[in-house]
Amino acid sequence: MLEPQSRRMSLSTGLRYHFLEWGGDDPTLDHTVVLIHGFLDLSWTWEAVAAAGLAGKYHLVAPDLRGHGDSDRVGAGGYYHFMDYLADLQDLIDQVGRKRVSLVGHSMGGSVAAYFTGVYPTRVARLAMLEGLGPPDGEWASWPDRISAWIAAWKRTRERGGSKRYHSLEEAAARLRTTDPKMSLELARRIAEVSTVRGDDGRYQFKHDPLHLTPSPQLFMVDGAMALWRRIACPTLLVDAQESEFRYSPEDALRRRSAFANARHVEIADAGHMMQRHQPQLLATLLDEFLRH
């Protein structure tokens, strides 16, 4: 039960989608909990949380979003538009979801989970968003420059032909800890192991598509997000980390949280933005208490 199965499925778009599944062989687990990772992360980020108390109690499904982990990249001429993630999630739920479906999303994955729930409010039993209320509000005046930067970056990325290579897993793990210093050396080594691929030259590359590193041409607008959030009727858990590097002003945080009709807000101590890596046991306990009612 504590070890996931690695599975693949075909999306309606024709892409192949990879996901981890705990409890797939147990038909008595009729509550599917979809664990959705954040930007440049992958399904394995949930490994410790699942093992800390969720596996065996729920049918857990953790996908690699398109262009992340072992899911397909969009290929030549394609790009990653945010709503594509929602269409993929619908395919996943249709194919593997059971009687009851709840969503847990971290960061960008929290936005995916909340948008999906706003579009399909009757399909989701419970929603947990881990620092998933979105980036700073966009400004329309910046949109022309953002579009030109996107086109230029897209071209540079295609011309470069790949992402940075690392000589060892230890070097890749050290790179992970530059953006997440609270992550232990042991966990960084484990994440580097599952999130990289070794090339013919013996060096390691992270699996995510380099196109993800280009700026999106779309602005994030809080008003648009709130229009979807207001449609969410199910119990919602909004989780922040006390030591996160991503913070809103008190006024902005209250404004965003107020859009949810049935929400509870909590903070996890001694954790940064990647709380699932810093406090897996505490997070698993919190999610279990929320999901089982």
C-alpha atoms as a PDB file:
ATOM      1  CA  MET A   1       0.000   0.000   0.000  1.00  0.00           C
ATOM      2  CA  LEU A   2       2.821   2.423   0.772  1.00  0.00           C
ATOM      3  CA  GLU A   3       4.558   1.859  -2.560  1.00  0.00           C
ATOM      4  CA  PRO A   4       2.949   3.491  -5.601  1.00  0.00           C
ATOM      5  CA  GLN A   5       2.391   1.914  -8.975  1.00  0.00           C
ATOM      6  CA  SER A   6       3.724   3.834 -11.966  1.00  0.00           C
ATOM      7  CA  ARG A   7       1.033   3.987 -14.657  1.00  0.00           C
ATOM      8  CA  ARG A   8       0.391   5.598 -18.022  1.00  0.00           C
ATOM      9  CA  MET A   9      -2.794   6.524 -19.844  1.00  0.00           C
ATOM     10  CA  SER A  10      -3.740   8.177 -23.115  1.00  0.00           C
ATOM     11  CA  LEU A  11      -5.348  11.606 -23.006  1.00  0.00           C
ATOM     12  CA  SER A  12      -8.026  12.658 -25.461  1.00  0.00           C
ATOM     13  CA  THR A  13      -5.405  14.986 -26.972  1.00  0.00           C
ATOM     14  CA  GLY A  14      -3.242  12.005 -27.882  1.00  0.00           C
ATOM     15  CA  LEU A  15      -0.573  12.757 -25.275  1.00  0.00           C
ATOM     16  CA  ARG A  16       0.552  10.015 -22.914  1.00  0.00           C
ATOM     17  CA  TYR A  17       0.090  10.882 -19.248  1.00  0.00           C
ATOM     18  CA  HIS A  18       2.101   9.393 -16.395  1.00  0.00           C
ATOM     19  CA  PHE A  19       0.796   9.107 -12.852  1.00  0.00           C
ATOM     20  CA  LEU A  20       1.554   7.350  -9.593  1.00  0.00           C
ATOM     21  CA  GLU A  21      -1.228   5.381  -7.955  1.00  0.00           C
ATOM     22  CA  TRP A  22      -1.596   4.078  -4.417  1.00  0.00           C
ATOM     23  CA  GLY A  23      -4.443   1.630  -3.726  1.00  0.00           C
ATOM     24  CA  GLY A  24      -5.242   0.976  -7.339  1.00  0.00           C
ATOM     25  CA  ASP A  25      -5.759  -2.724  -6.643  1.00  0.00           C
ATOM     26  CA  ASP A  26      -8.077  -2.152  -3.672  1.00  0.00           C
ATOM     27  CA  PRO A  27     -11.681  -1.666  -4.843  1.00  0.00           C
ATOM     28  CA  THR A  28     -12.817  -0.876  -1.285  1.00  0.00           C
ATOM     29  CA  LEU A  29     -11.042   2.485  -1.472  1.00  0.00           C
ATOM     30  CA  ASP A  30     -13.861   4.416  -3.118  1.00  0.00           C
ATOM     31  CA  HIS A  31     -12.515   7.912  -2.369  1.00  0.00           C
ATOM     32  CA  THR A  32     -10.021   9.030  -5.030  1.00  0.00           C
ATOM     33  CA  VAL A  33      -7.717  11.850  -3.955  1.00  0.00           C
ATOM     34  CA  VAL A  34      -5.831  13.475  -6.824  1.00  0.00           C
ATOM     35  CA  LEU A  35      -2.534  15.046  -5.709  1.00  0.00           C
ATOM     36  CA  ILE A  36      -1.463  17.756  -8.153  1.00  0.00           C
ATOM     37  CA  HIS A  37       2.113  19.047  -8.065  1.00  0.00           C
ATOM     38  CA  GLY A  38       3.306  22.585  -8.724  1.00  0.00           C
ATOM     39  CA  PHE A  39       5.470  24.286 -11.332  1.00  0.00           C
ATOM     40  CA  LEU A  40       8.581  22.322 -12.393  1.00  0.00           C
ATOM     41  CA  ASP A  41       7.734  19.609  -9.853  1.00  0.00           C
ATOM     42  CA  LEU A  42       6.411  16.098 -10.455  1.00  0.00           C
ATOM     43  CA  SER A  43       4.269  13.335  -8.986  1.00  0.00           C
ATOM     44  CA  TRP A  44       7.023  11.989  -6.728  1.00  0.00           C
ATOM     45  CA  THR A  45       6.864  15.145  -4.611  1.00  0.00           C
ATOM     46  CA  TRP A  46       3.911  13.454  -2.807  1.00  0.00           C
ATOM     47  CA  GLU A  47       5.779  10.254  -1.954  1.00  0.00           C
ATOM     48  CA  ALA A  48       6.509  11.136   1.681  1.00  0.00           C
ATOM     49  CA  VAL A  49       3.027  12.578   2.303  1.00  0.00           C
ATOM     50  CA  ALA A  50       1.380   9.435   0.958  1.00  0.00           C
ATOM     51  CA  ALA A  51       3.587   7.212   3.104  1.00  0.00           C
ATOM     52  CA  ALA A  52       2.998   9.383   6.178  1.00  0.00           C
ATOM     53  CA  GLY A  53      -0.674   8.564   6.501  1.00  0.00           C
ATOM     54  CA  LEU A  54      -2.740   8.810   3.307  1.00  0.00           C
ATOM     55  CA  ALA A  55      -1.797   5.587   1.513  1.00  0.00           C
ATOM     56  CA  GLY A  56      -4.083   2.746   2.522  1.00  0.00           C
ATOM     57  CA  LYS A  57      -6.893   5.114   3.486  1.00  0.00           C
ATOM     58  CA  TYR A  58      -7.588   6.646   0.073  1.00  0.00           C
ATOM     59  CA  HIS A  59      -7.170   5.791  -3.574  1.00  0.00           C
ATOM     60  CA  LEU A  60      -4.339   8.212  -4.325  1.00  0.00           C
ATOM     61  CA  VAL A  61      -3.500   9.408  -7.823  1.00  0.00           C
ATOM     62  CA  ALA A  62      -0.583  11.780  -8.432  1.00  0.00           C
ATOM     63  CA  PRO A  63      -0.138  12.827 -12.073  1.00  0.00           C
ATOM     64  CA  ASP A  64       2.835  14.366 -13.830  1.00  0.00           C
ATOM     65  CA  LEU A  65       1.287  17.396 -15.507  1.00  0.00           C
ATOM     66  CA  ARG A  66       1.970  17.585 -19.243  1.00  0.00           C
ATOM     67  CA  GLY A  67       5.581  18.467 -19.931  1.00  0.00           C
ATOM     68  CA  HIS A  68       6.596  17.476 -16.382  1.00  0.00           C
ATOM     69  CA  GLY A  69       8.100  14.246 -15.094  1.00  0.00           C
ATOM     70  CA  ASP A  70       7.363  11.279 -17.325  1.00  0.00           C
ATOM     71  CA  SER A  71       4.280  12.691 -19.066  1.00  0.00           C
ATOM     72  CA  ASP A  72       4.575  13.647 -22.717  1.00  0.00           C
ATOM     73  CA  ARG A  73       5.777  17.055 -23.830  1.00  0.00           C
ATOM     74  CA  VAL A  74       3.596  18.953 -26.265  1.00  0.00           C
ATOM     75  CA  GLY A  75       6.143  18.650 -29.085  1.00  0.00           C
ATOM     76  CA  ALA A  76       7.151  20.941 -31.913  1.00  0.00           C
ATOM     77  CA  GLY A  77       4.861  23.917 -32.412  1.00  0.00           C
ATOM     78  CA  GLY A  78       3.052  23.405 -29.115  1.00  0.00           C
ATOM     79  CA  TYR A  79       2.953  25.409 -25.908  1.00  0.00           C
ATOM     80  CA  TYR A  80       1.674  24.976 -22.361  1.00  0.00           C
ATOM     81  CA  HIS A  81      -1.493  26.987 -21.907  1.00  0.00           C
ATOM     82  CA  PHE A  82      -2.917  26.824 -18.435  1.00  0.00           C
ATOM     83  CA  MET A  83      -6.363  25.492 -19.279  1.00  0.00           C
ATOM     84  CA  ASP A  84      -4.761  22.477 -20.982  1.00  0.00           C
ATOM     85  CA  TYR A  85      -4.001  21.195 -17.477  1.00  0.00           C
ATOM     86  CA  LEU A  86      -7.726  21.246 -16.650  1.00  0.00           C
ATOM     87  CA  ALA A  87      -8.639  19.246 -19.750  1.00  0.00           C
ATOM     88  CA  ASP A  88      -5.982  16.673 -18.852  1.00  0.00           C
ATOM     89  CA  LEU A  89      -7.291  16.475 -15.285  1.00  0.00           C
ATOM     90  CA  GLN A  90     -10.795  15.806 -16.566  1.00  0.00           C
ATOM     91  CA  ASP A  91      -9.466  12.904 -18.658  1.00  0.00           C
ATOM     92  CA  LEU A  92      -7.620  11.520 -15.631  1.00  0.00           C
ATOM     93  CA  ILE A  93     -10.685  11.693 -13.366  1.00  0.00           C
ATOM     94  CA  ASP A  94     -12.922  10.186 -16.032  1.00  0.00           C
ATOM     95  CA  GLN A  95     -10.583   7.230 -16.489  1.00  0.00           C
ATOM     96  CA  VAL A  96      -9.413   6.409 -12.960  1.00  0.00           C
ATOM     97  CA  GLY A  97     -11.635   8.359 -10.524  1.00  0.00           C
ATOM     98  CA  ARG A  98     -13.902   6.390  -8.207  1.00  0.00           C
ATOM     99  CA  LYS A  99     -17.209   7.101  -6.483  1.00  0.00           C
ATOM    100  CA  ARG A 100     -15.915  10.157  -4.625  1.00  0.00           C
ATOM    101  CA  VAL A 101     -13.174  12.477  -5.922  1.00  0.00           C
ATOM    102  CA  SER A 102     -11.268  15.126  -3.984  1.00  0.00           C
ATOM    103  CA  LEU A 103      -8.416  17.331  -5.170  1.00  0.00           C
ATOM    104  CA  VAL A 104      -5.239  18.430  -3.388  1.00  0.00           C
ATOM    105  CA  GLY A 105      -3.043  20.898  -5.252  1.00  0.00           C
ATOM    106  CA  HIS A 106       0.226  22.589  -4.397  1.00  0.00           C
ATOM    107  CA  SER A 107       1.116  26.029  -5.786  1.00  0.00           C
ATOM    108  CA  MET A 108       0.342  25.963  -9.531  1.00  0.00           C
ATOM    109  CA  GLY A 109      -1.361  22.629  -8.926  1.00  0.00           C
ATOM    110  CA  GLY A 110      -3.610  24.353  -6.399  1.00  0.00           C
ATOM    111  CA  SER A 111      -4.730  26.764  -9.091  1.00  0.00           C
ATOM    112  CA  VAL A 112      -5.389  23.846 -11.449  1.00  0.00           C
ATOM    113  CA  ALA A 113      -7.439  22.078  -8.761  1.00  0.00           C
ATOM    114  CA  ALA A 114      -9.445  25.186  -7.863  1.00  0.00           C
ATOM    115  CA  TYR A 115     -10.143  26.174 -11.466  1.00  0.00           C
ATOM    116  CA  PHE A 116     -11.324  22.645 -12.229  1.00  0.00           C
ATOM    117  CA  THR A 117     -13.595  22.677  -9.180  1.00  0.00           C
ATOM    118  CA  GLY A 118     -14.986  26.037 -10.222  1.00  0.00           C
ATOM    119  CA  VAL A 119     -15.790  24.738 -13.693  1.00  0.00           C
ATOM    120  CA  TYR A 120     -17.207  21.420 -12.384  1.00  0.00           C
ATOM    121  CA  PRO A 121     -18.380  22.183  -8.834  1.00  0.00           C
ATOM    122  CA  THR A 122     -20.472  19.011  -8.461  1.00  0.00           C
ATOM    123  CA  ARG A 123     -17.603  16.660  -9.355  1.00  0.00           C
ATOM    124  CA  VAL A 124     -15.311  17.469  -6.425  1.00  0.00           C
ATOM    125  CA  ALA A 125     -16.115  16.407  -2.848  1.00  0.00           C
ATOM    126  CA  ARG A 126     -13.310  18.299  -1.111  1.00  0.00           C
ATOM    127  CA  LEU A 127     -10.616  20.704  -2.240  1.00  0.00           C
ATOM    128  CA  ALA A 128      -7.292  21.446  -0.540  1.00  0.00           C
ATOM    129  CA  MET A 129      -5.074  24.238  -1.886  1.00  0.00           C
ATOM    130  CA  LEU A 130      -1.517  24.381  -0.584  1.00  0.00           C
ATOM    131  CA  GLU A 131      -0.319  27.927  -1.292  1.00  0.00           C
ATOM    132  CA  GLY A 132      -2.376  27.757  -4.472  1.00  0.00           C
ATOM    133  CA  LEU A 133      -4.080  31.151  -4.615  1.00  0.00           C
ATOM    134  CA  GLY A 134      -2.013  32.329  -7.542  1.00  0.00           C
ATOM    135  CA  PRO A 135       0.768  34.828  -8.279  1.00  0.00           C
ATOM    136  CA  PRO A 136       0.529  38.616  -7.949  1.00  0.00           C
ATOM    137  CA  ASP A 137      -2.266  40.302  -9.864  1.00  0.00           C
ATOM    138  CA  GLY A 138      -1.357  41.168 -13.452  1.00  0.00           C
ATOM    139  CA  GLU A 139      -1.553  44.585 -15.057  1.00  0.00           C
ATOM    140  CA  TRP A 140      -2.936  44.994 -18.560  1.00  0.00           C
ATOM    141  CA  ALA A 141      -0.367  47.692 -19.325  1.00  0.00           C
ATOM    142  CA  SER A 142       2.363  45.031 -19.095  1.00  0.00           C
ATOM    143  CA  TRP A 143       0.678  42.629 -21.524  1.00  0.00           C
ATOM    144  CA  PRO A 144       2.313  43.757 -24.806  1.00  0.00           C
ATOM    145  CA  ASP A 145       5.808  43.425 -23.317  1.00  0.00           C
ATOM    146  CA  ARG A 146       4.903  40.059 -21.823  1.00  0.00           C
ATOM    147  CA  ILE A 147       3.792  38.719 -25.203  1.00  0.00           C
ATOM    148  CA  SER A 148       6.943  39.907 -26.969  1.00  0.00           C
ATOM    149  CA  ALA A 149       9.090  38.386 -24.179  1.00  0.00           C
ATOM    150  CA  TRP A 150       7.226  35.085 -24.578  1.00  0.00           C
ATOM    151  CA  ILE A 151       7.829  34.950 -28.334  1.00  0.00           C
ATOM    152  CA  ALA A 152      11.525  35.753 -27.913  1.00  0.00           C
ATOM    153  CA  ALA A 153      11.992  33.217 -25.113  1.00  0.00           C
ATOM    154  CA  TRP A 154      10.142  30.503 -27.055  1.00  0.00           C
ATOM    155  CA  LYS A 155      12.513  31.007 -29.978  1.00  0.00           C
ATOM    156  CA  ARG A 156      15.626  30.982 -27.771  1.00  0.00           C
ATOM    157  CA  THR A 157      14.522  27.794 -26.022  1.00  0.00           C
ATOM    158  CA  ARG A 158      13.925  25.942 -29.285  1.00  0.00           C
ATOM    159  CA  GLU A 159      17.276  27.093 -30.670  1.00  0.00           C
ATOM    160  CA  ARG A 160      19.107  26.016 -27.531  1.00  0.00           C
ATOM    161  CA  GLY A 161      17.639  22.538 -27.851  1.00  0.00           C
ATOM    162  CA  GLY A 162      17.625  21.441 -24.219  1.00  0.00           C
ATOM    163  CA  SER A 163      18.088  22.270 -20.573  1.00  0.00           C
ATOM    164  CA  LYS A 164      21.185  22.418 -18.399  1.00  0.00           C
ATOM    165  CA  ARG A 165      23.047  19.168 -17.767  1.00  0.00           C
ATOM    166  CA  TYR A 166      24.579  18.050 -14.474  1.00  0.00           C
ATOM    167  CA  HIS A 167      27.554  15.739 -14.048  1.00  0.00           C
ATOM    168  CA  SER A 168      26.063  13.790 -11.128  1.00  0.00           C
ATOM    169  CA  LEU A 169      22.898  13.305  -9.122  1.00  0.00           C
ATOM    170  CA  GLU A 170      24.616  15.091  -6.258  1.00  0.00           C
ATOM    171  CA  GLU A 171      25.104  18.152  -8.460  1.00  0.00           C
ATOM    172  CA  ALA A 172      21.444  18.032  -9.514  1.00  0.00           C
ATOM    173  CA  ALA A 173      20.406  17.679  -5.868  1.00  0.00           C
ATOM    174  CA  ALA A 174      22.512  20.705  -4.943  1.00  0.00           C
ATOM    175  CA  ARG A 175      20.714  22.661  -7.656  1.00  0.00           C
ATOM    176  CA  LEU A 176      17.364  21.716  -6.109  1.00  0.00           C
ATOM    177  CA  ARG A 177      18.499  22.959  -2.716  1.00  0.00           C
ATOM    178  CA  THR A 178      19.449  26.384  -4.084  1.00  0.00           C
ATOM    179  CA  THR A 179      15.730  27.111  -4.486  1.00  0.00           C
ATOM    180  CA  ASP A 180      14.603  24.976  -1.544  1.00  0.00           C
ATOM    181  CA  PRO A 181      17.282  25.161   1.183  1.00  0.00           C
ATOM    182  CA  LYS A 182      14.970  23.642   3.814  1.00  0.00           C
ATOM    183  CA  MET A 183      14.937  20.364   1.905  1.00  0.00           C
ATOM    184  CA  SER A 184      17.223  17.755   3.459  1.00  0.00           C
ATOM    185  CA  LEU A 185      20.210  16.414   1.559  1.00  0.00           C
ATOM    186  CA  GLU A 186      18.674  12.927   1.586  1.00  0.00           C
ATOM    187  CA  LEU A 187      15.377  14.117   0.125  1.00  0.00           C
ATOM    188  CA  ALA A 188      17.128  16.310  -2.456  1.00  0.00           C
ATOM    189  CA  ARG A 189      19.052  13.251  -3.614  1.00  0.00           C
ATOM    190  CA  ARG A 190      15.811  11.280  -3.867  1.00  0.00           C
ATOM    191  CA  ILE A 191      13.996  14.011  -5.812  1.00  0.00           C
ATOM    192  CA  ALA A 192      17.002  14.390  -8.133  1.00  0.00           C
ATOM    193  CA  GLU A 193      16.953  10.640  -8.749  1.00  0.00           C
ATOM    194  CA  VAL A 194      13.298  10.543  -9.856  1.00  0.00           C
ATOM    195  CA  SER A 195      13.160  13.912 -11.626  1.00  0.00           C
ATOM    196  CA  THR A 196      16.186  13.595 -13.915  1.00  0.00           C
ATOM    197  CA  VAL A 197      17.117  11.471 -16.896  1.00  0.00           C
ATOM    198  CA  ARG A 198      20.657  10.467 -17.800  1.00  0.00           C
ATOM    199  CA  GLY A 199      21.783  11.218 -21.325  1.00  0.00           C
ATOM    200  CA  ASP A 200      24.169   9.407 -23.626  1.00  0.00           C
ATOM    201  CA  ASP A 201      26.954  11.673 -22.371  1.00  0.00           C
ATOM    202  CA  GLY A 202      26.427  10.423 -18.808  1.00  0.00           C
ATOM    203  CA  ARG A 203      25.095  13.750 -17.563  1.00  0.00           C
ATOM    204  CA  TYR A 204      21.691  14.389 -15.999  1.00  0.00           C
ATOM    205  CA  GLN A 205      18.864  16.658 -17.125  1.00  0.00           C
ATOM    206  CA  PHE A 206      15.674  17.475 -15.290  1.00  0.00           C
ATOM    207  CA  LYS A 207      12.690  15.913 -17.050  1.00  0.00           C
ATOM    208  CA  HIS A 208      10.504  19.002 -17.394  1.00  0.00           C
ATOM    209  CA  ASP A 209      10.218  20.607 -20.805  1.00  0.00           C
ATOM    210  CA  PRO A 210      12.485  23.711 -20.995  1.00  0.00           C
ATOM    211  CA  LEU A 211       9.534  25.562 -22.538  1.00  0.00           C
ATOM    212  CA  HIS A 212       8.114  25.805 -19.028  1.00  0.00           C
ATOM    213  CA  LEU A 213      10.892  28.264 -18.214  1.00  0.00           C
ATOM    214  CA  THR A 214       9.557  30.785 -20.714  1.00  0.00           C
ATOM    215  CA  PRO A 215       7.124  33.450 -19.476  1.00  0.00           C
ATOM    216  CA  SER A 216       3.493  32.668 -20.198  1.00  0.00           C
ATOM    217  CA  PRO A 217       1.826  35.090 -22.625  1.00  0.00           C
ATOM    218  CA  GLN A 218      -1.257  35.167 -20.379  1.00  0.00           C
ATOM    219  CA  LEU A 219      -1.666  37.456 -17.388  1.00  0.00           C
ATOM    220  CA  PHE A 220      -2.907  36.156 -14.055  1.00  0.00           C
ATOM    221  CA  MET A 221      -5.895  38.269 -13.083  1.00  0.00           C
ATOM    222  CA  VAL A 222      -7.288  37.842  -9.588  1.00  0.00           C
ATOM    223  CA  ASP A 223     -10.779  38.903 -10.669  1.00  0.00           C
ATOM    224  CA  GLY A 224     -10.896  36.092 -13.214  1.00  0.00           C
ATOM    225  CA  ALA A 225      -9.677  33.531 -10.691  1.00  0.00           C
ATOM    226  CA  MET A 226     -12.217  34.726  -8.142  1.00  0.00           C
ATOM    227  CA  ALA A 227     -15.037  34.235 -10.664  1.00  0.00           C
ATOM    228  CA  LEU A 228     -14.171  30.524 -10.632  1.00  0.00           C
ATOM    229  CA  TRP A 229     -13.463  30.349  -6.894  1.00  0.00           C
ATOM    230  CA  ARG A 230     -16.910  31.739  -6.097  1.00  0.00           C
ATOM    231  CA  ARG A 231     -18.513  28.751  -7.840  1.00  0.00           C
ATOM    232  CA  ILE A 232     -16.846  26.311  -5.441  1.00  0.00           C
ATOM    233  CA  ALA A 233     -19.334  24.982  -2.912  1.00  0.00           C
ATOM    234  CA  CYS A 234     -17.463  22.009  -1.444  1.00  0.00           C
ATOM    235  CA  PRO A 235     -15.452  22.239   1.808  1.00  0.00           C
ATOM    236  CA  THR A 236     -12.123  23.876   1.004  1.00  0.00           C
ATOM    237  CA  LEU A 237      -8.858  23.834   2.960  1.00  0.00           C
ATOM    238  CA  LEU A 238      -6.439  26.703   2.306  1.00  0.00           C
ATOM    239  CA  VAL A 239      -2.977  25.877   3.649  1.00  0.00           C
ATOM    240  CA  ASP A 240      -0.061  28.294   3.952  1.00  0.00           C
ATOM    241  CA  ALA A 241       3.463  27.730   5.247  1.00  0.00           C
ATOM    242  CA  GLN A 242       4.673  30.076   7.968  1.00  0.00           C
ATOM    243  CA  GLU A 243       8.147  30.381   6.434  1.00  0.00           C
ATOM    244  CA  SER A 244       7.069  30.616   2.802  1.00  0.00           C
ATOM    245  CA  GLU A 245       8.895  32.964   0.483  1.00  0.00           C
ATOM    246  CA  PHE A 246       5.588  33.648  -1.278  1.00  0.00           C
ATOM    247  CA  ARG A 247       3.397  36.011   0.716  1.00  0.00           C
ATOM    248  CA  TYR A 248       0.501  38.326  -0.019  1.00  0.00           C
ATOM    249  CA  SER A 249      -0.331  41.516   1.788  1.00  0.00           C
ATOM    250  CA  PRO A 250      -2.907  40.871   4.547  1.00  0.00           C
ATOM    251  CA  GLU A 251      -5.505  42.726   2.479  1.00  0.00           C
ATOM    252  CA  ASP A 252      -4.800  40.718  -0.680  1.00  0.00           C
ATOM    253  CA  ALA A 253      -4.756  37.403   1.212  1.00  0.00           C
ATOM    254  CA  LEU A 254      -8.112  38.184   2.845  1.00  0.00           C
ATOM    255  CA  ARG A 255      -9.599  39.240  -0.492  1.00  0.00           C
ATOM    256  CA  ARG A 256      -8.580  36.011  -2.182  1.00  0.00           C
ATOM    257  CA  ARG A 257      -9.705  33.751   0.653  1.00  0.00           C
ATOM    258  CA  SER A 258     -13.045  35.533   0.911  1.00  0.00           C
ATOM    259  CA  ALA A 259     -14.058  34.225  -2.533  1.00  0.00           C
ATOM    260  CA  PHE A 260     -14.491  30.697  -1.122  1.00  0.00           C
ATOM    261  CA  ALA A 261     -17.923  30.018   0.359  1.00  0.00           C
ATOM    262  CA  ASN A 262     -16.891  27.153   2.635  1.00  0.00           C
ATOM    263  CA  ALA A 263     -13.192  27.527   3.418  1.00  0.00           C
ATOM    264  CA  ARG A 264     -10.917  26.995   6.388  1.00  0.00           C
ATOM    265  CA  HIS A 265      -7.458  28.572   6.501  1.00  0.00           C
ATOM    266  CA  VAL A 266      -4.504  27.061   8.387  1.00  0.00           C
ATOM    267  CA  GLU A 267      -0.745  27.606   8.550  1.00  0.00           C
ATOM    268  CA  ILE A 268       1.925  24.943   8.925  1.00  0.00           C
ATOM    269  CA  ALA A 269       4.878  25.811  11.150  1.00  0.00           C
ATOM    270  CA  ASP A 270       8.528  25.183  10.277  1.00  0.00           C
ATOM    271  CA  ALA A 271       7.808  24.858   6.562  1.00  0.00           C
ATOM    272  CA  GLY A 272       8.471  26.855   3.426  1.00  0.00           C
ATOM    273  CA  HIS A 273       6.584  26.921   0.163  1.00  0.00           C
ATOM    274  CA  MET A 274       7.433  23.255  -0.551  1.00  0.00           C
ATOM    275  CA  MET A 275       5.628  22.167   2.595  1.00  0.00           C
ATOM    276  CA  GLN A 276       5.031  18.628   1.329  1.00  0.00           C
ATOM    277  CA  ARG A 277       8.790  18.112   1.481  1.00  0.00           C
ATOM    278  CA  HIS A 278       9.435  19.946   4.743  1.00  0.00           C
ATOM    279  CA  GLN A 279       6.566  18.640   6.892  1.00  0.00           C
ATOM    280  CA  PRO A 280       5.107  15.527   5.213  1.00  0.00           C
ATOM    281  CA  GLN A 281       3.820  13.967   8.443  1.00  0.00           C
ATOM    282  CA  LEU A 282       2.125  17.140   9.642  1.00  0.00           C
ATOM    283  CA  LEU A 283       0.618  17.771   6.212  1.00  0.00           C
ATOM    284  CA  ALA A 284      -0.600  14.178   5.887  1.00  0.00           C
ATOM    285  CA  THR A 285      -2.317  14.397   9.267  1.00  0.00           C
ATOM    286  CA  LEU A 286      -3.962  17.684   8.338  1.00  0.00           C
ATOM    287  CA  LEU A 287      -5.167  16.371   4.968  1.00  0.00           C
ATOM    288  CA  ASP A 288      -6.433  13.105   6.436  1.00  0.00           C
ATOM    289  CA  GLU A 289      -8.507  14.957   9.048  1.00  0.00           C
ATOM    290  CA  PHE A 290      -9.951  17.156   6.294  1.00  0.00           C
ATOM    291  CA  LEU A 291     -10.607  14.459   3.695  1.00  0.00           C
ATOM    292  CA  ARG A 292     -12.189  11.778   5.841  1.00  0.00           C
ATOM    293  CA  HIS A 293     -15.308  13.719   6.813  1.00  0.00           C
END
